[in-house]
C-alpha atoms as a PDB file:
ATOM      1  CA  LEU A   1       0.005   0.001   0.005  1.00  0.00           C
ATOM      2  CA  TYR A   2       2.879   2.385   0.767  1.00  0.00           C
ATOM      3  CA  GLN A   3       4.310   1.706  -2.688  1.00  0.00           C
ATOM      4  CA  ARG A   4       0.998   2.573  -4.298  1.00  0.00           C
ATOM      5  CA  ALA A   5       0.662   5.681  -2.145  1.00  0.00           C
ATOM      6  CA  LEU A   6       4.200   6.678  -3.052  1.00  0.00           C
ATOM      7  CA  ARG A   7       3.532   6.351  -6.798  1.00  0.00           C
ATOM      8  CA  ILE A   8       0.419   8.521  -6.463  1.00  0.00           C
ATOM      9  CA  MET A   9       2.186  11.143  -4.383  1.00  0.00           C
ATOM     10  CA  GLN A  10       5.155  11.285  -6.730  1.00  0.00           C
ATOM     11  CA  LYS A  11       2.891  11.572  -9.745  1.00  0.00           C
ATOM     12  CA  HIS A  12       0.955  14.428  -8.198  1.00  0.00           C
ATOM     13  CA  TYR A  13       3.726  16.351  -6.428  1.00  0.00           C
ATOM     14  CA  GLY A  14       6.959  15.162  -8.042  1.00  0.00           C
ATOM     15  CA  GLU A  15       9.649  12.880  -6.686  1.00  0.00           C
ATOM     16  CA  ASP A  16      11.422  15.469  -4.501  1.00  0.00           C
ATOM     17  CA  HIS A  17       8.460  17.260  -2.965  1.00  0.00           C
ATOM     18  CA  VAL A  18       8.416  17.438   0.824  1.00  0.00           C
ATOM     19  CA  VAL A  19       4.983  15.791   1.067  1.00  0.00           C
ATOM     20  CA  VAL A  20       6.531  12.617  -0.487  1.00  0.00           C
ATOM     21  CA  ALA A  21       9.117  12.268   2.307  1.00  0.00           C
ATOM     22  CA  PRO A  22       6.812  10.765   4.990  1.00  0.00           C
ATOM     23  CA  THR A  23       5.603   8.050   2.624  1.00  0.00           C
ATOM     24  CA  LEU A  24       9.202   7.265   1.616  1.00  0.00           C
ATOM     25  CA  ASN A  25      10.156   7.077   5.261  1.00  0.00           C
ATOM     26  CA  ASN A  26       7.216   4.832   6.124  1.00  0.00           C
ATOM     27  CA  LEU A  27       8.017   2.463   3.265  1.00  0.00           C
ATOM     28  CA  ALA A  28      11.667   2.402   4.395  1.00  0.00           C
ATOM     29  CA  ASN A  29      10.510   1.535   7.918  1.00  0.00           C
ATOM     30  CA  VAL A  30       8.556  -1.454   6.592  1.00  0.00           C
ATOM     31  CA  LEU A  31      11.495  -2.640   4.528  1.00  0.00           C
ATOM     32  CA  ARG A  32      13.852  -2.256   7.495  1.00  0.00           C
ATOM     33  CA  HIS A  33      11.569  -4.304   9.715  1.00  0.00           C
ATOM     34  CA  GLN A  34      11.416  -6.958   6.966  1.00  0.00           C
ATOM     35  CA  GLY A  35      15.234  -7.057   6.902  1.00  0.00           C
ATOM     36  CA  ASP A  36      15.629  -5.465   3.455  1.00  0.00           C
ATOM     37  CA  TYR A  37      18.327  -3.124   4.630  1.00  0.00           C
ATOM     38  CA  ASP A  38      19.687  -2.265   1.197  1.00  0.00           C
ATOM     39  CA  GLN A  39      16.369  -0.926  -0.115  1.00  0.00           C
ATOM     40  CA  ALA A  40      15.536   0.709   3.213  1.00  0.00           C
ATOM     41  CA  LYS A  41      18.857   2.534   3.057  1.00  0.00           C
ATOM     42  CA  VAL A  42      18.097   3.869  -0.411  1.00  0.00           C
ATOM     43  CA  LEU A  43      14.688   5.146   0.673  1.00  0.00           C
ATOM     44  CA  TYR A  44      15.998   6.738   3.901  1.00  0.00           C
ATOM     45  CA  GLN A  45      18.690   8.506   1.868  1.00  0.00           C
ATOM     46  CA  ARG A  46      16.035   9.827  -0.524  1.00  0.00           C
ATOM     47  CA  THR A  47      13.930  10.944   2.421  1.00  0.00           C
ATOM     48  CA  LEU A  48      16.923  12.668   3.976  1.00  0.00           C
ATOM     49  CA  HIS A  49      17.749  14.471   0.720  1.00  0.00           C
ATOM     50  CA  ILE A  50      14.209  15.821   0.454  1.00  0.00           C
ATOM     51  CA  GLN A  51      14.027  16.836   4.092  1.00  0.00           C
ATOM     52  CA  GLN A  52      17.385  18.566   4.105  1.00  0.00           C
ATOM     53  CA  LYS A  53      16.493  20.448   0.952  1.00  0.00           C
ATOM     54  CA  HIS A  54      13.203  21.615   2.436  1.00  0.00           C
ATOM     55  CA  TYR A  55      13.943  21.998   6.173  1.00  0.00           C
ATOM     56  CA  GLY A  56      17.742  22.380   6.256  1.00  0.00           C
ATOM     57  CA  GLN A  57      20.285  20.249   8.131  1.00  0.00           C
ATOM     58  CA  ASP A  58      19.024  20.890  11.646  1.00  0.00           C
ATOM     59  CA  HIS A  59      15.376  19.870  11.892  1.00  0.00           C
ATOM     60  CA  VAL A  60      13.689  17.193  14.001  1.00  0.00           C
ATOM     61  CA  GLN A  61      12.400  15.396  10.889  1.00  0.00           C
ATOM     62  CA  VAL A  62      15.951  15.248   9.569  1.00  0.00           C
ATOM     63  CA  ALA A  63      17.164  13.975  12.948  1.00  0.00           C
ATOM     64  CA  SER A  64      14.534  11.247  12.955  1.00  0.00           C
ATOM     65  CA  THR A  65      15.579  10.084   9.485  1.00  0.00           C
ATOM     66  CA  LEU A  66      19.245  10.186  10.486  1.00  0.00           C
ATOM     67  CA  ASN A  67      18.393   7.891  13.384  1.00  0.00           C
ATOM     68  CA  ASN A  68      16.506   5.488  11.093  1.00  0.00           C
ATOM     69  CA  LEU A  69      19.307   5.446   8.540  1.00  0.00           C
ATOM     70  CA  ALA A  70      21.854   4.827  11.310  1.00  0.00           C
ATOM     71  CA  ILE A  71      19.851   1.787  12.430  1.00  0.00           C
ATOM     72  CA  VAL A  72      20.149   0.346   8.920  1.00  0.00           C
ATOM     73  CA  LEU A  73      23.839   1.124   8.705  1.00  0.00           C
ATOM     74  CA  GLN A  74      24.390  -0.533  12.045  1.00  0.00           C
ATOM     75  CA  HIS A  75      22.631  -3.688  10.791  1.00  0.00           C
ATOM     76  CA  GLN A  76      24.844  -3.606   7.717  1.00  0.00           C
ATOM     77  CA  GLY A  77      27.982  -3.395   9.852  1.00  0.00           C
ATOM     78  CA  ASP A  78      28.889   0.197   8.987  1.00  0.00           C
ATOM     79  CA  TYR A  79      29.389   1.127  12.628  1.00  0.00           C
ATOM     80  CA  ASP A  80      31.445   4.284  12.114  1.00  0.00           C
ATOM     81  CA  GLN A  81      28.850   5.873   9.822  1.00  0.00           C
ATOM     82  CA  ALA A  82      26.004   4.764  12.095  1.00  0.00           C
ATOM     83  CA  LYS A  83      27.738   6.290  15.093  1.00  0.00           C
ATOM     84  CA  MET A  84      28.226   9.581  13.248  1.00  0.00           C
ATOM     85  CA  LEU A  85      24.565   9.771  12.211  1.00  0.00           C
ATOM     86  CA  TYR A  86      23.336   8.898  15.708  1.00  0.00           C
ATOM     87  CA  GLN A  87      25.518  11.661  17.120  1.00  0.00           C
ATOM     88  CA  ARG A  88      24.109  14.172  14.622  1.00  0.00           C
ATOM     89  CA  ALA A  89      20.567  13.093  15.524  1.00  0.00           C
ATOM     90  CA  VAL A  90      21.250  13.432  19.269  1.00  0.00           C
ATOM     91  CA  ARG A  91      22.634  16.979  18.839  1.00  0.00           C
ATOM     92  CA  SER A  92      19.589  17.998  16.829  1.00  0.00           C
ATOM     93  CA  PHE A  93      17.095  16.416  19.201  1.00  0.00           C
ATOM     94  CA  GLU A  94      18.831  18.057  22.175  1.00  0.00           C
ATOM     95  CA  LYS A  95      18.726  21.421  20.474  1.00  0.00           C
ATOM     96  CA  HIS A  96      15.030  21.223  19.707  1.00  0.00           C
ATOM     97  CA  TYR A  97      13.693  19.251  22.676  1.00  0.00           C
ATOM     98  CA  GLY A  98      16.252  19.624  25.456  1.00  0.00           C
ATOM     99  CA  GLU A  99      18.550  17.016  26.975  1.00  0.00           C
ATOM    100  CA  ASP A 100      15.896  15.024  28.849  1.00  0.00           C
ATOM    101  CA  HIS A 101      13.523  14.286  25.978  1.00  0.00           C
ATOM    102  CA  VAL A 102      12.520  10.724  25.073  1.00  0.00           C
ATOM    103  CA  GLU A 103      13.850  11.145  21.480  1.00  0.00           C
ATOM    104  CA  VAL A 104      17.259  12.000  22.932  1.00  0.00           C
ATOM    105  CA  ALA A 105      17.126   8.982  25.220  1.00  0.00           C
ATOM    106  CA  SER A 106      16.050   6.627  22.424  1.00  0.00           C
ATOM    107  CA  THR A 107      18.797   7.825  20.104  1.00  0.00           C
ATOM    108  CA  LEU A 108      21.416   7.657  22.870  1.00  0.00           C
ATOM    109  CA  SER A 109      20.337   4.077  23.487  1.00  0.00           C
ATOM    110  CA  ASN A 110      20.846   3.286  19.818  1.00  0.00           C
ATOM    111  CA  LEU A 111      24.256   4.916  19.920  1.00  0.00           C
ATOM    112  CA  ALA A 112      25.168   2.864  22.987  1.00  0.00           C
ATOM    113  CA  ASN A 113      24.363  -0.318  21.065  1.00  0.00           C
ATOM    114  CA  VAL A 114      26.971   0.639  18.454  1.00  0.00           C
ATOM    115  CA  HIS A 115      29.622   0.678  21.178  1.00  0.00           C
ATOM    116  CA  GLN A 116      28.871  -2.874  22.307  1.00  0.00           C
END
């Protein structure tokens, strides 16, 4: 269903429109949970490109996608890149939400798993 929704959104708005990003992200989440890390990575990268173009580098939506992409990279064994993305996400979440927010804690927990 997400693939169908994505085709419709892209047809109506174009492939790089900001309204397409949530559907791309949702489809990437499904693929990640199914273990298709290669395709999930591609979709998270596309999502990130759209979000950064629209929102800039330092936005909570960007931070959330960085966290998701880092999860995929961690599963693929790219620990250094995953660590870097988690750290970027933590800094952004802290800036927007404060140091004691649940998003900060969740991302810190993900980062801690890279160090194990």
